[in-house]
Amino acid sequence: MPSGATVTSAEEPLRTHARLWPIVVFQSRYSGTYEGGDWFALANCAEIPDGPWGDDEECVDWFTSNGKMIGVGDSPDEAVSDLLEKDRLSQATLYD
């Protein structure tokens, strides 16, 4: 596991976003250049992906392909909050 990786729990009840767990938070290798924040949170992270740790081209390709459901922020908590908000918005559009 990269040294900047942390496992976190959100303050919201687990049942609200249970389909996202486990959420793993990583410190950006490129200081947010490709993902938009110093930290990013991945949902359903059973394995650590190679993309965010690859060279510039691999990294930008990975975040471009996977960015819709990656939380980003200037802290681990902000990254998780962003992920939970993206999930909330995606669920809201399913029922509109």
Protein backbone atom coordinates (compact mmCIF):
# COMPACT_ATOMS: atom_id res chain seq x y z
CA MET A 1 0.00 0.00 0.00
CA PRO A 2 1.39 3.45 -0.86
CA SER A 3 2.67 5.32 2.19
CA GLY A 4 0.02 8.06 1.84
CA ALA A 5 -2.91 5.60 2.00
CA THR A 6 -5.31 5.70 4.92
CA VAL A 7 -8.52 3.87 5.69
CA THR A 8 -11.27 6.15 6.92
CA SER A 9 -14.84 6.02 8.09
CA ALA A 10 -17.39 8.69 7.32
CA GLU A 11 -19.58 10.37 9.90
CA GLU A 12 -22.73 9.53 7.93
CA PRO A 13 -24.43 6.27 8.82
CA LEU A 14 -22.96 3.32 6.96
CA ARG A 15 -26.31 2.29 5.55
CA THR A 16 -26.56 5.56 3.58
CA HIS A 17 -23.54 4.75 1.43
CA ALA A 18 -22.97 1.08 2.24
CA ARG A 19 -22.50 0.18 -1.42
CA LEU A 20 -19.30 2.30 -1.46
CA TRP A 21 -17.43 0.45 1.28
CA PRO A 22 -14.58 -0.06 1.66
CA ILE A 23 -13.52 3.50 0.94
CA VAL A 24 -9.77 4.02 0.84
CA VAL A 25 -8.11 7.44 0.81
CA PHE A 26 -4.77 8.13 -0.84
CA GLN A 27 -2.47 11.10 -0.92
CA SER A 28 -1.99 12.19 -4.53
CA ARG A 29 1.31 11.28 -6.12
CA TYR A 30 1.19 14.34 -8.37
CA SER A 31 -0.16 16.88 -5.82
CA GLY A 32 -3.62 16.89 -7.37
CA THR A 33 -2.53 17.68 -10.92
CA TYR A 34 -4.74 15.00 -12.48
CA GLU A 35 -7.45 14.43 -9.90
CA GLY A 36 -7.95 17.98 -8.64
CA GLY A 37 -6.99 17.62 -4.96
CA ASP A 38 -4.13 16.60 -2.70
CA TRP A 39 -6.14 13.56 -1.56
CA PHE A 40 -8.50 11.21 -3.36
CA ALA A 41 -11.00 8.64 -2.11
CA LEU A 42 -11.90 5.43 -3.95
CA ALA A 43 -15.07 3.46 -3.37
CA ASN A 44 -15.16 -0.34 -3.33
CA CYS A 45 -11.41 -0.41 -3.12
CA ALA A 46 -10.59 -4.07 -2.53
CA GLU A 47 -7.32 -3.74 -4.47
CA ILE A 48 -5.08 -0.74 -4.96
CA PRO A 49 -5.16 0.28 -8.63
CA ASP A 50 -1.93 0.86 -10.55
CA GLY A 51 -3.20 3.86 -12.54
CA PRO A 52 -2.75 6.63 -9.97
CA TRP A 53 0.85 5.52 -9.35
CA GLY A 54 1.91 5.18 -12.98
CA ASP A 55 3.72 7.65 -15.17
CA ASP A 56 2.04 10.88 -16.25
CA GLU A 57 0.21 9.32 -19.19
CA GLU A 58 -1.08 6.33 -17.20
CA CYS A 59 -2.20 8.59 -14.38
CA VAL A 60 -4.13 11.04 -16.52
CA ASP A 61 -5.75 8.16 -18.45
CA TRP A 62 -6.77 6.44 -15.23
CA PHE A 63 -8.33 9.54 -13.65
CA THR A 64 -10.06 10.46 -16.92
CA SER A 65 -11.61 6.99 -17.11
CA ASN A 66 -12.50 6.67 -13.42
CA GLY A 67 -12.98 10.23 -12.21
CA LYS A 68 -16.78 10.33 -11.95
CA MET A 69 -16.82 8.38 -8.70
CA ILE A 70 -13.56 9.48 -7.11
CA GLY A 71 -13.75 11.95 -4.27
CA VAL A 72 -11.07 14.64 -4.14
CA GLY A 73 -10.10 17.24 -1.59
CA ASP A 74 -7.34 19.04 0.24
CA SER A 75 -7.63 16.60 3.17
CA PRO A 76 -8.70 12.98 3.59
CA ASP A 77 -12.02 14.10 5.12
CA GLU A 78 -12.73 16.42 2.19
CA ALA A 79 -12.01 13.61 -0.27
CA VAL A 80 -14.46 11.27 1.48
CA SER A 81 -17.10 14.01 1.74
CA ASP A 82 -16.73 14.71 -1.99
CA LEU A 83 -17.13 11.00 -2.79
CA LEU A 84 -20.24 10.76 -0.60
CA GLU A 85 -21.72 13.84 -2.27
CA LYS A 86 -21.04 12.44 -5.75
CA ASP A 87 -22.76 9.23 -4.68
CA ARG A 88 -25.73 11.15 -3.26
CA LEU A 89 -26.10 13.14 -6.49
CA SER A 90 -25.80 10.06 -8.68
CA GLN A 91 -28.49 8.30 -6.65
CA ALA A 92 -30.76 11.36 -6.78
CA THR A 93 -30.60 11.44 -10.59
CA LEU A 94 -31.61 7.77 -10.72
CA TYR A 95 -34.94 8.62 -9.11
CA ASP A 96 -35.70 11.97 -10.74
